[in-house]
Amino acid sequence: MRFILAASALILIAAPLAAKDSLGVFGDWGAFRDAQMPRCYAIAAAQGTGAGTRSREYDPFASVGTWPRRQVRGQVHFRLSRQVRDGAAITLTMGSSRFDLSGDNGNAWAKDAQMDARIVAEMRVASTMRVSSRDRQGRRFTDSYSLDGAATAMDAASVGCAAG
């Protein structure tokens, strides 16, 4: 049952991203390839995502993408559950590691490629991650993610773009 729910959530999240090929579902993460761009990415829905979730403006997800033509690998992106208040800090926490992200509206990214690499390395060993900020009304919010399957999904996405 958990697999069906996770796969359904991943399909719903990935549909707007126009994924052409599923590379697999691994734990709570999925991997996809869009050969037209080309790009590949690992993606997961925030925990508790679904109909009836209070106070969400968006369906939050985390993704790690690769764009071979742009020579971009392991770029982290978060779609937050709410729009961020102007000037509010956006913090990613995994275990004892903290990262101050860049972002606007309902999106957040690492500040540079080196931070992307550190985040991806930490995602490979941590079990959960949380992204926190303040919304436009000043309320604190946190989007939480399981990292079960994240490393395998990231590897599948990398191999998927390396193969073609």
Protein backbone atom coordinates (compact mmCIF):
# COMPACT_ATOMS: atom_id res chain seq x y z
CA MET A 1 0.00 0.00 0.00
CA ARG A 2 2.81 2.42 0.91
CA PHE A 3 4.42 1.80 -2.50
CA ILE A 4 1.16 2.58 -4.32
CA LEU A 5 0.67 5.80 -2.35
CA ALA A 6 4.28 6.88 -2.89
CA ALA A 7 4.16 6.06 -6.59
CA SER A 8 0.88 7.94 -6.99
CA ALA A 9 2.27 11.00 -5.22
CA LEU A 10 5.42 10.93 -7.34
CA ILE A 11 3.43 10.66 -10.55
CA LEU A 12 1.23 13.60 -9.56
CA ILE A 13 4.24 15.71 -8.66
CA ALA A 14 6.23 14.73 -11.72
CA ALA A 15 3.39 15.27 -14.20
CA PRO A 16 3.81 19.06 -14.28
CA LEU A 17 7.53 18.55 -14.78
CA ALA A 18 6.71 16.76 -18.07
CA ALA A 19 8.69 13.62 -17.32
CA LYS A 20 8.82 11.32 -20.32
CA ASP A 21 10.39 8.22 -18.81
CA SER A 22 10.16 6.79 -15.33
CA LEU A 23 13.51 5.42 -14.21
CA GLY A 24 11.98 3.85 -11.09
CA VAL A 25 10.57 4.42 -7.64
CA PHE A 26 12.99 3.83 -4.77
CA GLY A 27 11.56 4.05 -1.28
CA ASP A 28 9.99 7.51 -0.99
CA TRP A 29 11.82 8.88 -4.07
CA GLY A 30 11.38 8.50 -7.81
CA ALA A 31 13.70 9.08 -10.73
CA PHE A 32 12.63 10.44 -14.13
CA ARG A 33 14.14 11.34 -17.48
CA ASP A 34 12.95 13.91 -19.99
CA ALA A 35 14.93 13.15 -23.15
CA GLN A 36 13.65 16.24 -25.00
CA MET A 37 15.52 18.68 -22.72
CA PRO A 38 17.48 16.42 -21.82
CA ARG A 39 17.27 16.33 -18.05
CA CYS A 40 16.96 13.73 -15.33
CA TYR A 41 15.93 14.18 -11.73
CA ALA A 42 15.19 12.45 -8.46
CA ILE A 43 12.07 13.77 -6.73
CA ALA A 44 10.03 13.24 -3.56
CA ALA A 45 6.90 14.72 -2.07
CA ALA A 46 7.04 16.27 1.38
CA GLN A 47 5.64 14.06 4.10
CA GLY A 48 2.00 14.68 4.79
CA THR A 49 1.36 15.87 1.24
CA GLY A 50 -2.18 15.31 0.08
CA ALA A 51 -5.70 16.62 -0.07
CA GLY A 52 -6.84 18.37 3.05
CA THR A 53 -3.39 19.44 4.23
CA ARG A 54 -3.92 22.75 5.97
CA SER A 55 -2.14 25.99 5.22
CA ARG A 56 -0.41 24.85 2.05
CA GLU A 57 -0.33 27.12 -0.98
CA TYR A 58 1.63 24.59 -3.06
CA ASP A 59 2.32 20.86 -3.15
CA PRO A 60 5.85 20.78 -1.76
CA PHE A 61 8.57 18.59 -3.24
CA ALA A 62 12.33 18.20 -3.24
CA SER A 63 14.30 17.38 -6.38
CA VAL A 64 17.88 16.84 -7.45
CA GLY A 65 18.38 17.47 -11.18
CA THR A 66 20.91 16.90 -13.92
CA TRP A 67 21.04 18.82 -17.22
CA PRO A 68 23.84 17.27 -19.34
CA ARG A 69 23.86 19.96 -22.06
CA ARG A 70 24.22 22.67 -19.44
CA GLN A 71 26.85 20.61 -17.58
CA VAL A 72 24.75 20.86 -14.42
CA ARG A 73 24.69 17.86 -12.09
CA GLY A 74 23.18 17.42 -8.66
CA GLN A 75 21.26 20.71 -8.53
CA VAL A 76 18.92 20.81 -5.54
CA HIS A 77 15.50 22.48 -5.73
CA PHE A 78 12.69 22.69 -3.19
CA ARG A 79 9.13 23.68 -3.98
CA LEU A 80 7.97 24.97 -0.62
CA SER A 81 4.48 24.56 0.76
CA ARG A 82 4.04 28.32 1.14
CA GLN A 83 5.33 31.56 -0.28
CA VAL A 84 8.25 32.89 1.73
CA ARG A 85 8.13 36.26 3.44
CA ASP A 86 10.47 38.80 1.84
CA GLY A 87 13.84 38.60 3.56
CA ALA A 88 13.00 35.47 5.56
CA ALA A 89 15.75 32.90 5.99
CA ILE A 90 15.19 29.48 4.39
CA THR A 91 16.99 26.73 6.28
CA LEU A 92 17.57 23.10 5.30
CA THR A 93 18.38 20.76 8.20
CA MET A 94 19.65 17.18 7.98
CA GLY A 95 20.91 15.69 11.23
CA SER A 96 23.40 18.17 12.67
CA SER A 97 23.97 19.85 9.28
CA ARG A 98 22.29 23.16 8.42
CA PHE A 99 22.26 24.97 5.11
CA ASP A 100 21.03 28.52 4.46
CA LEU A 101 19.25 28.35 1.10
CA SER A 102 18.43 31.02 -1.47
CA GLY A 103 14.87 31.41 -2.64
CA ASP A 104 11.86 33.46 -3.52
CA ASN A 105 8.14 33.01 -3.54
CA GLY A 106 7.69 29.27 -3.02
CA ASN A 107 11.06 28.00 -4.24
CA ALA A 108 14.46 27.39 -2.64
CA TRP A 109 17.88 26.36 -3.96
CA ALA A 110 21.43 25.94 -2.79
CA LYS A 111 23.43 29.16 -3.10
CA ASP A 112 26.04 27.61 -5.41
CA ALA A 113 27.30 24.34 -6.90
CA GLN A 114 29.52 23.64 -3.88
CA MET A 115 26.52 23.84 -1.56
CA ASP A 116 24.56 21.58 -3.93
CA ALA A 117 27.35 19.00 -3.64
CA ARG A 118 27.41 19.22 0.18
CA ILE A 119 23.62 18.86 0.37
CA VAL A 120 23.60 15.85 -1.98
CA ALA A 121 26.40 14.21 0.04
CA GLU A 122 24.43 14.72 3.25
CA MET A 123 21.23 13.40 1.62
CA ARG A 124 23.09 10.13 0.97
CA VAL A 125 23.68 9.50 4.68
CA ALA A 126 20.83 11.26 6.52
CA SER A 127 17.41 9.68 7.07
CA THR A 128 15.28 12.84 6.98
CA MET A 129 15.52 16.48 5.99
CA ARG A 130 13.49 19.57 6.85
CA VAL A 131 13.16 22.93 5.09
CA SER A 132 11.92 25.77 7.31
CA SER A 133 11.07 29.41 6.79
CA ARG A 134 8.40 32.03 7.49
CA ASP A 135 5.44 32.60 5.20
CA ARG A 136 4.07 35.95 4.03
CA GLN A 137 2.08 36.28 7.27
CA GLY A 138 5.19 35.65 9.37
CA ARG A 139 4.15 32.13 10.44
CA ARG A 140 6.92 29.57 10.70
CA PHE A 141 6.47 26.47 8.52
CA THR A 142 8.47 23.33 7.88
CA ASP A 143 8.35 20.84 5.01
CA SER A 144 9.72 17.43 6.03
CA TYR A 145 11.08 14.68 3.80
CA SER A 146 12.06 11.06 4.19
CA LEU A 147 15.35 10.29 2.49
CA ASP A 148 14.53 6.59 2.12
CA GLY A 149 15.55 5.78 -1.45
CA ALA A 150 17.02 9.23 -2.19
CA ALA A 151 20.55 8.00 -2.92
CA THR A 152 19.33 5.29 -5.28
CA ALA A 153 16.96 7.68 -7.06
CA MET A 154 19.74 10.25 -7.48
CA ASP A 155 22.02 7.54 -8.88
CA ALA A 156 19.28 6.33 -11.27
CA ALA A 157 18.76 9.89 -12.49
CA SER A 158 22.49 10.37 -13.08
CA VAL A 159 22.77 7.09 -14.97
CA GLY A 160 19.60 7.89 -16.93
CA CYS A 161 21.15 11.06 -18.34
CA ALA A 162 24.58 9.52 -18.82
CA ALA A 163 23.03 6.80 -21.00
CA GLY A 164 21.69 9.13 -23.59
